[in-house]
Amino acid sequence: MKTNWRNQIHSDSDVLNGKPVIKGTRISVELILDLLSQGWTEIMILENYPTITKDSLRAVFSYLSECMKEELFFPPQKKVA
């Protein structure tokens, strides 16, 4: 069953300059991705950020999946020499 990210992720211009965050927190989607890219595990994230849940983490990936499908991302630009 696909997680409905809209129940977990939102954006508010008054919170982190409008970056998408996990509802009820100031934990951004970007932070979760940074932690994972640094080698953090789901367990490590949940232990260090007890205000989020496994469902919240699933929502991060569901949100990103939809963004990719809708092309709501900014791919790296090729440098012109």
PDB file of N, CA and C in Angstrom:
ATOM      1  N   MET A   1       0.841  -1.177   0.000  1.00  0.00           N
ATOM      2  CA  MET A   1       0.000   0.000   0.000  1.00  0.00           C
ATOM      3  C   MET A   1       0.885   1.239   0.000  1.00  0.00           C
ATOM      4  N   LYS A   2       0.602   2.173  -0.907  1.00  0.00           N
ATOM      5  CA  LYS A   2       1.381   3.392  -1.026  1.00  0.00           C
ATOM      6  C   LYS A   2       0.985   4.382   0.071  1.00  0.00           C
ATOM      7  N   THR A   3       1.985   4.990   0.672  1.00  0.00           N
ATOM      8  CA  THR A   3       1.757   5.978   1.725  1.00  0.00           C
ATOM      9  C   THR A   3       1.286   7.283   1.103  1.00  0.00           C
ATOM     10  N   ASN A   4       0.248   7.873   1.674  1.00  0.00           N
ATOM     11  CA  ASN A   4      -0.209   9.187   1.226  1.00  0.00           C
ATOM     12  C   ASN A   4       0.645  10.234   1.930  1.00  0.00           C
ATOM     13  N   TRP A   5       1.639  10.745   1.221  1.00  0.00           N
ATOM     14  CA  TRP A   5       2.582  11.666   1.833  1.00  0.00           C
ATOM     15  C   TRP A   5       1.916  12.957   2.297  1.00  0.00           C
ATOM     16  N   ARG A   6       0.798  13.321   1.720  1.00  0.00           N
ATOM     17  CA  ARG A   6       0.119  14.574   2.092  1.00  0.00           C
ATOM     18  C   ARG A   6      -0.343  14.577   3.547  1.00  0.00           C
ATOM     19  N   ASN A   7      -0.491  13.398   4.128  1.00  0.00           N
ATOM     20  CA  ASN A   7      -0.858  13.305   5.539  1.00  0.00           C
ATOM     21  C   ASN A   7       0.341  13.542   6.454  1.00  0.00           C
ATOM     22  N   GLN A   8       1.547  13.476   5.907  1.00  0.00           N
ATOM     23  CA  GLN A   8       2.756  13.532   6.722  1.00  0.00           C
ATOM     24  C   GLN A   8       3.706  14.687   6.377  1.00  0.00           C
ATOM     25  N   ILE A   9       3.679  15.139   5.148  1.00  0.00           N
ATOM     26  CA  ILE A   9       4.634  16.142   4.673  1.00  0.00           C
ATOM     27  C   ILE A   9       3.880  17.409   4.289  1.00  0.00           C
ATOM     28  N   HIS A  10       4.424  18.559   4.700  1.00  0.00           N
ATOM     29  CA  HIS A  10       3.805  19.812   4.273  1.00  0.00           C
ATOM     30  C   HIS A  10       4.851  20.906   4.176  1.00  0.00           C
ATOM     31  N   SER A  11       4.433  22.016   3.618  1.00  0.00           N
ATOM     32  CA  SER A  11       5.320  23.163   3.444  1.00  0.00           C
ATOM     33  C   SER A  11       4.604  24.398   3.965  1.00  0.00           C
ATOM     34  N   ASP A  12       5.318  25.204   4.739  1.00  0.00           N
ATOM     35  CA  ASP A  12       4.769  26.426   5.312  1.00  0.00           C
ATOM     36  C   ASP A  12       5.857  27.480   5.219  1.00  0.00           C
ATOM     37  N   SER A  13       5.555  28.603   4.621  1.00  0.00           N
ATOM     38  CA  SER A  13       6.568  29.636   4.428  1.00  0.00           C
ATOM     39  C   SER A  13       7.149  30.138   5.744  1.00  0.00           C
ATOM     40  N   ASP A  14       6.450  29.921   6.853  1.00  0.00           N
ATOM     41  CA  ASP A  14       6.952  30.341   8.165  1.00  0.00           C
ATOM     42  C   ASP A  14       7.846  29.297   8.830  1.00  0.00           C
ATOM     43  N   VAL A  15       7.984  28.137   8.221  1.00  0.00           N
ATOM     44  CA  VAL A  15       8.810  27.063   8.783  1.00  0.00           C
ATOM     45  C   VAL A  15       9.905  26.708   7.784  1.00  0.00           C
ATOM     46  N   LEU A  16      11.142  26.907   8.175  1.00  0.00           N
ATOM     47  CA  LEU A  16      12.309  26.594   7.338  1.00  0.00           C
ATOM     48  C   LEU A  16      12.195  27.163   5.923  1.00  0.00           C
ATOM     49  N   ASN A  17      11.709  28.383   5.839  1.00  0.00           N
ATOM     50  CA  ASN A  17      11.587  29.068   4.546  1.00  0.00           C
ATOM     51  C   ASN A  17      10.770  28.293   3.520  1.00  0.00           C
ATOM     52  N   GLY A  18       9.810  27.526   3.980  1.00  0.00           N
ATOM     53  CA  GLY A  18       8.920  26.812   3.068  1.00  0.00           C
ATOM     54  C   GLY A  18       9.405  25.464   2.592  1.00  0.00           C
ATOM     55  N   LYS A  19      10.550  24.998   3.128  1.00  0.00           N
ATOM     56  CA  LYS A  19      11.014  23.660   2.737  1.00  0.00           C
ATOM     57  C   LYS A  19       9.995  22.625   3.195  1.00  0.00           C
ATOM     58  N   PRO A  20       9.831  21.544   2.435  1.00  0.00           N
ATOM     59  CA  PRO A  20       8.916  20.491   2.890  1.00  0.00           C
ATOM     60  C   PRO A  20       9.467  19.837   4.165  1.00  0.00           C
ATOM     61  N   VAL A  21       8.588  19.711   5.159  1.00  0.00           N
ATOM     62  CA  VAL A  21       8.958  19.129   6.447  1.00  0.00           C
ATOM     63  C   VAL A  21       7.950  18.063   6.850  1.00  0.00           C
ATOM     64  N   ILE A  22       8.344  17.254   7.809  1.00  0.00           N
ATOM     65  CA  ILE A  22       7.419  16.295   8.397  1.00  0.00           C
ATOM     66  C   ILE A  22       6.484  17.077   9.308  1.00  0.00           C
ATOM     67  N   LYS A  23       5.179  16.911   9.102  1.00  0.00           N
ATOM     68  CA  LYS A  23       4.185  17.672   9.855  1.00  0.00           C
ATOM     69  C   LYS A  23       4.445  17.591  11.354  1.00  0.00           C
ATOM     70  N   GLY A  24       4.281  18.737  12.011  1.00  0.00           N
ATOM     71  CA  GLY A  24       4.439  18.812  13.452  1.00  0.00           C
ATOM     72  C   GLY A  24       5.882  18.904  13.898  1.00  0.00           C
ATOM     73  N   THR A  25       6.798  19.001  12.936  1.00  0.00           N
ATOM     74  CA  THR A  25       8.220  19.087  13.266  1.00  0.00           C
ATOM     75  C   THR A  25       8.869  20.160  12.407  1.00  0.00           C
ATOM     76  N   ARG A  26      10.132  20.388  12.653  1.00  0.00           N
ATOM     77  CA  ARG A  26      10.956  21.230  11.791  1.00  0.00           C
ATOM     78  C   ARG A  26      12.002  20.343  11.101  1.00  0.00           C
ATOM     79  N   ILE A  27      11.660  19.073  10.971  1.00  0.00           N
ATOM     80  CA  ILE A  27      12.557  18.107  10.329  1.00  0.00           C
ATOM     81  C   ILE A  27      12.218  18.076   8.843  1.00  0.00           C
ATOM     82  N   SER A  28      13.168  18.538   8.030  1.00  0.00           N
ATOM     83  CA  SER A  28      12.910  18.660   6.604  1.00  0.00           C
ATOM     84  C   SER A  28      13.172  17.344   5.858  1.00  0.00           C
ATOM     85  N   VAL A  29      12.528  17.241   4.718  1.00  0.00           N
ATOM     86  CA  VAL A  29      12.786  16.122   3.806  1.00  0.00           C
ATOM     87  C   VAL A  29      14.270  16.122   3.462  1.00  0.00           C
ATOM     88  N   GLU A  30      14.812  17.298   3.237  1.00  0.00           N
ATOM     89  CA  GLU A  30      16.226  17.439   2.903  1.00  0.00           C
ATOM     90  C   GLU A  30      17.120  16.849   3.999  1.00  0.00           C
ATOM     91  N   LEU A  31      16.810  17.114   5.265  1.00  0.00           N
ATOM     92  CA  LEU A  31      17.610  16.571   6.369  1.00  0.00           C
ATOM     93  C   LEU A  31      17.579  15.049   6.359  1.00  0.00           C
ATOM     94  N   ILE A  32      16.401  14.472   6.170  1.00  0.00           N
ATOM     95  CA  ILE A  32      16.289  13.009   6.136  1.00  0.00           C
ATOM     96  C   ILE A  32      17.166  12.437   5.026  1.00  0.00           C
ATOM     97  N   LEU A  33      17.111  13.042   3.858  1.00  0.00           N
ATOM     98  CA  LEU A  33      17.927  12.568   2.738  1.00  0.00           C
ATOM     99  C   LEU A  33      19.411  12.728   3.028  1.00  0.00           C
ATOM    100  N   ASP A  34      19.796  13.845   3.633  1.00  0.00           N
ATOM    101  CA  ASP A  34      21.197  14.049   3.999  1.00  0.00           C
ATOM    102  C   ASP A  34      21.675  12.982   4.972  1.00  0.00           C
ATOM    103  N   LEU A  35      20.854  12.685   5.974  1.00  0.00           N
ATOM    104  CA  LEU A  35      21.239  11.663   6.956  1.00  0.00           C
ATOM    105  C   LEU A  35      21.415  10.302   6.279  1.00  0.00           C
ATOM    106  N   LEU A  36      20.473   9.944   5.431  1.00  0.00           N
ATOM    107  CA  LEU A  36      20.574   8.664   4.730  1.00  0.00           C
ATOM    108  C   LEU A  36      21.797   8.617   3.830  1.00  0.00           C
ATOM    109  N   SER A  37      22.107   9.727   3.175  1.00  0.00           N
ATOM    110  CA  SER A  37      23.275   9.750   2.286  1.00  0.00           C
ATOM    111  C   SER A  37      24.582   9.659   3.067  1.00  0.00           C
ATOM    112  N   GLN A  38      24.529  10.008   4.356  1.00  0.00           N
ATOM    113  CA  GLN A  38      25.708   9.893   5.221  1.00  0.00           C
ATOM    114  C   GLN A  38      25.827   8.505   5.851  1.00  0.00           C
ATOM    115  N   GLY A  39      24.875   7.630   5.530  1.00  0.00           N
ATOM    116  CA  GLY A  39      24.948   6.268   6.035  1.00  0.00           C
ATOM    117  C   GLY A  39      24.074   5.973   7.236  1.00  0.00           C
ATOM    118  N   TRP A  40      23.278   6.941   7.666  1.00  0.00           N
ATOM    119  CA  TRP A  40      22.366   6.684   8.783  1.00  0.00           C
ATOM    120  C   TRP A  40      21.345   5.639   8.352  1.00  0.00           C
ATOM    121  N   THR A  41      20.929   4.812   9.294  1.00  0.00           N
ATOM    122  CA  THR A  41      19.883   3.830   9.036  1.00  0.00           C
ATOM    123  C   THR A  41      18.546   4.381   9.522  1.00  0.00           C
ATOM    124  N   GLU A  42      17.480   3.717   9.124  1.00  0.00           N
ATOM    125  CA  GLU A  42      16.149   4.098   9.607  1.00  0.00           C
ATOM    126  C   GLU A  42      16.119   4.079  11.132  1.00  0.00           C
ATOM    127  N   ILE A  43      16.701   3.049  11.722  1.00  0.00           N
ATOM    128  CA  ILE A  43      16.715   2.931  13.185  1.00  0.00           C
ATOM    129  C   ILE A  43      17.447   4.104  13.822  1.00  0.00           C
ATOM    130  N   MET A  44      18.583   4.483  13.258  1.00  0.00           N
ATOM    131  CA  MET A  44      19.342   5.613  13.796  1.00  0.00           C
ATOM    132  C   MET A  44      18.526   6.905  13.740  1.00  0.00           C
ATOM    133  N   ILE A  45      17.840   7.114  12.631  1.00  0.00           N
ATOM    134  CA  ILE A  45      17.030   8.323  12.490  1.00  0.00           C
ATOM    135  C   ILE A  45      15.905   8.330  13.513  1.00  0.00           C
ATOM    136  N   LEU A  46      15.201   7.211  13.635  1.00  0.00           N
ATOM    137  CA  LEU A  46      14.082   7.138  14.577  1.00  0.00           C
ATOM    138  C   LEU A  46      14.538   7.300  16.024  1.00  0.00           C
ATOM    139  N   GLU A  47      15.698   6.770  16.357  1.00  0.00           N
ATOM    140  CA  GLU A  47      16.212   6.908  17.724  1.00  0.00           C
ATOM    141  C   GLU A  47      16.629   8.346  18.030  1.00  0.00           C
ATOM    142  N   ASN A  48      17.193   9.035  17.047  1.00  0.00           N
ATOM    143  CA  ASN A  48      17.687  10.386  17.258  1.00  0.00           C
ATOM    144  C   ASN A  48      16.625  11.463  17.059  1.00  0.00           C
ATOM    145  N   TYR A  49      15.558  11.134  16.375  1.00  0.00           N
ATOM    146  CA  TYR A  49      14.460  12.067  16.138  1.00  0.00           C
ATOM    147  C   TYR A  49      13.148  11.386  16.516  1.00  0.00           C
ATOM    148  N   PRO A  50      12.884  11.270  17.822  1.00  0.00           N
ATOM    149  CA  PRO A  50      11.724  10.499  18.291  1.00  0.00           C
ATOM    150  C   PRO A  50      10.362  11.097  17.927  1.00  0.00           C
ATOM    151  N   THR A  51      10.341  12.307  17.385  1.00  0.00           N
ATOM    152  CA  THR A  51       9.054  12.899  16.993  1.00  0.00           C
ATOM    153  C   THR A  51       8.577  12.403  15.636  1.00  0.00           C
ATOM    154  N   ILE A  52       9.431  11.661  14.926  1.00  0.00           N
ATOM    155  CA  ILE A  52       8.991  11.115  13.646  1.00  0.00           C
ATOM    156  C   ILE A  52       8.789   9.610  13.767  1.00  0.00           C
ATOM    157  N   THR A  53       8.074   9.064  12.801  1.00  0.00           N
ATOM    158  CA  THR A  53       7.713   7.645  12.824  1.00  0.00           C
ATOM    159  C   THR A  53       8.165   6.963  11.532  1.00  0.00           C
ATOM    160  N   LYS A  54       8.018   5.657  11.505  1.00  0.00           N
ATOM    161  CA  LYS A  54       8.303   4.907  10.278  1.00  0.00           C
ATOM    162  C   LYS A  54       7.412   5.392   9.144  1.00  0.00           C
ATOM    163  N   ASP A  55       6.163   5.707   9.469  1.00  0.00           N
ATOM    164  CA  ASP A  55       5.250   6.224   8.450  1.00  0.00           C
ATOM    165  C   ASP A  55       5.748   7.557   7.899  1.00  0.00           C
ATOM    166  N   SER A  56       6.321   8.382   8.762  1.00  0.00           N
ATOM    167  CA  SER A  56       6.876   9.662   8.312  1.00  0.00           C
ATOM    168  C   SER A  56       8.004   9.434   7.315  1.00  0.00           C
ATOM    169  N   LEU A  57       8.867   8.468   7.620  1.00  0.00           N
ATOM    170  CA  LEU A  57       9.970   8.168   6.713  1.00  0.00           C
ATOM    171  C   LEU A  57       9.459   7.637   5.382  1.00  0.00           C
ATOM    172  N   ARG A  58       8.445   6.784   5.422  1.00  0.00           N
ATOM    173  CA  ARG A  58       7.854   6.281   4.181  1.00  0.00           C
ATOM    174  C   ARG A  58       7.254   7.438   3.374  1.00  0.00           C
ATOM    175  N   ALA A  59       6.655   8.390   4.081  1.00  0.00           N
ATOM    176  CA  ALA A  59       6.054   9.544   3.414  1.00  0.00           C
ATOM    177  C   ALA A  59       7.106  10.380   2.699  1.00  0.00           C
ATOM    178  N   VAL A  60       8.305  10.478   3.269  1.00  0.00           N
ATOM    179  CA  VAL A  60       9.398  11.206   2.618  1.00  0.00           C
ATOM    180  C   VAL A  60       9.659  10.591   1.245  1.00  0.00           C
ATOM    181  N   PHE A  61       9.741   9.278   1.181  1.00  0.00           N
ATOM    182  CA  PHE A  61      10.028   8.609  -0.085  1.00  0.00           C
ATOM    183  C   PHE A  61       8.846   8.670  -1.047  1.00  0.00           C
ATOM    184  N   SER A  62       7.643   8.606  -0.526  1.00  0.00           N
ATOM    185  CA  SER A  62       6.461   8.733  -1.364  1.00  0.00           C
ATOM    186  C   SER A  62       6.400  10.135  -1.976  1.00  0.00           C
ATOM    187  N   TYR A  63       6.705  11.141  -1.164  1.00  0.00           N
ATOM    188  CA  TYR A  63       6.754  12.526  -1.634  1.00  0.00           C
ATOM    189  C   TYR A  63       7.792  12.675  -2.746  1.00  0.00           C
ATOM    190  N   LEU A  64       8.983  12.153  -2.515  1.00  0.00           N
ATOM    191  CA  LEU A  64      10.046  12.258  -3.517  1.00  0.00           C
ATOM    192  C   LEU A  64       9.692  11.515  -4.791  1.00  0.00           C
ATOM    193  N   SER A  65       9.079  10.359  -4.660  1.00  0.00           N
ATOM    194  CA  SER A  65       8.665   9.589  -5.826  1.00  0.00           C
ATOM    195  C   SER A  65       7.694  10.398  -6.676  1.00  0.00           C
ATOM    196  N   GLU A  66       6.725  11.016  -6.033  1.00  0.00           N
ATOM    197  CA  GLU A  66       5.752  11.811  -6.782  1.00  0.00           C
ATOM    198  C   GLU A  66       6.429  13.031  -7.422  1.00  0.00           C
ATOM    199  N   CYS A  67       7.339  13.669  -6.707  1.00  0.00           N
ATOM    200  CA  CYS A  67       8.067  14.810  -7.273  1.00  0.00           C
ATOM    201  C   CYS A  67       8.829  14.396  -8.525  1.00  0.00           C
ATOM    202  N   MET A  68       9.458  13.241  -8.480  1.00  0.00           N
ATOM    203  CA  MET A  68      10.209  12.760  -9.640  1.00  0.00           C
ATOM    204  C   MET A  68       9.266  12.490 -10.815  1.00  0.00           C
ATOM    205  N   LYS A  69       8.130  11.894 -10.531  1.00  0.00           N
ATOM    206  CA  LYS A  69       7.169  11.611 -11.592  1.00  0.00           C
ATOM    207  C   LYS A  69       6.623  12.887 -12.197  1.00  0.00           C
ATOM    208  N   GLU A  70       6.441  13.905 -11.364  1.00  0.00           N
ATOM    209  CA  GLU A  70       5.895  15.175 -11.827  1.00  0.00           C
ATOM    210  C   GLU A  70       6.989  16.125 -12.298  1.00  0.00           C
ATOM    211  N   GLU A  71       8.235  15.658 -12.231  1.00  0.00           N
ATOM    212  CA  GLU A  71       9.395  16.442 -12.617  1.00  0.00           C
ATOM    213  C   GLU A  71       9.490  17.742 -11.832  1.00  0.00           C
ATOM    214  N   LEU A  72       9.172  17.651 -10.538  1.00  0.00           N
ATOM    215  CA  LEU A  72       9.279  18.812  -9.655  1.00  0.00           C
ATOM    216  C   LEU A  72      10.615  18.804  -8.936  1.00  0.00           C
ATOM    217  N   PHE A  73      11.655  18.628  -9.682  1.00  0.00           N
ATOM    218  CA  PHE A  73      13.001  18.611  -9.125  1.00  0.00           C
ATOM    219  C   PHE A  73      13.901  19.375 -10.073  1.00  0.00           C
ATOM    220  N   PHE A  74      15.074  19.695  -9.615  1.00  0.00           N
ATOM    221  CA  PHE A  74      16.014  20.445 -10.419  1.00  0.00           C
ATOM    222  C   PHE A  74      17.245  19.585 -10.648  1.00  0.00           C
ATOM    223  N   PRO A  75      17.339  18.957 -11.835  1.00  0.00           N
ATOM    224  CA  PRO A  75      18.492  18.102 -12.108  1.00  0.00           C
ATOM    225  C   PRO A  75      19.762  18.945 -12.206  1.00  0.00           C
ATOM    226  N   PRO A  76      20.905  18.348 -11.925  1.00  0.00           N
ATOM    227  CA  PRO A  76      22.158  19.093 -12.038  1.00  0.00           C
ATOM    228  C   PRO A  76      22.321  19.624 -13.462  1.00  0.00           C
ATOM    229  N   GLN A  77      22.766  20.836 -13.550  1.00  0.00           N
ATOM    230  CA  GLN A  77      22.993  21.464 -14.855  1.00  0.00           C
ATOM    231  C   GLN A  77      24.400  21.155 -15.342  1.00  0.00           C
ATOM    232  N   LYS A  78      24.513  20.906 -16.622  1.00  0.00           N
ATOM    233  CA  LYS A  78      25.830  20.691 -17.211  1.00  0.00           C
ATOM    234  C   LYS A  78      26.539  22.028 -17.279  1.00  0.00           C
ATOM    235  N   LYS A  79      27.803  22.027 -16.890  1.00  0.00           N
ATOM    236  CA  LYS A  79      28.602  23.239 -16.984  1.00  0.00           C
ATOM    237  C   LYS A  79      29.015  23.453 -18.428  1.00  0.00           C
ATOM    238  N   VAL A  80      28.835  24.649 -18.891  1.00  0.00           N
ATOM    239  CA  VAL A  80      29.238  24.997 -20.254  1.00  0.00           C
ATOM    240  C   VAL A  80      30.619  25.614 -20.182  1.00  0.00           C
ATOM    241  N   ALA A  81      31.549  25.040 -20.947  1.00  0.00           N
ATOM    242  CA  ALA A  81      32.923  25.529 -20.910  1.00  0.00           C
ATOM    243  C   ALA A  81      33.120  26.734 -21.791  1.00  0.00           C
TER     244      ALA A  81
END
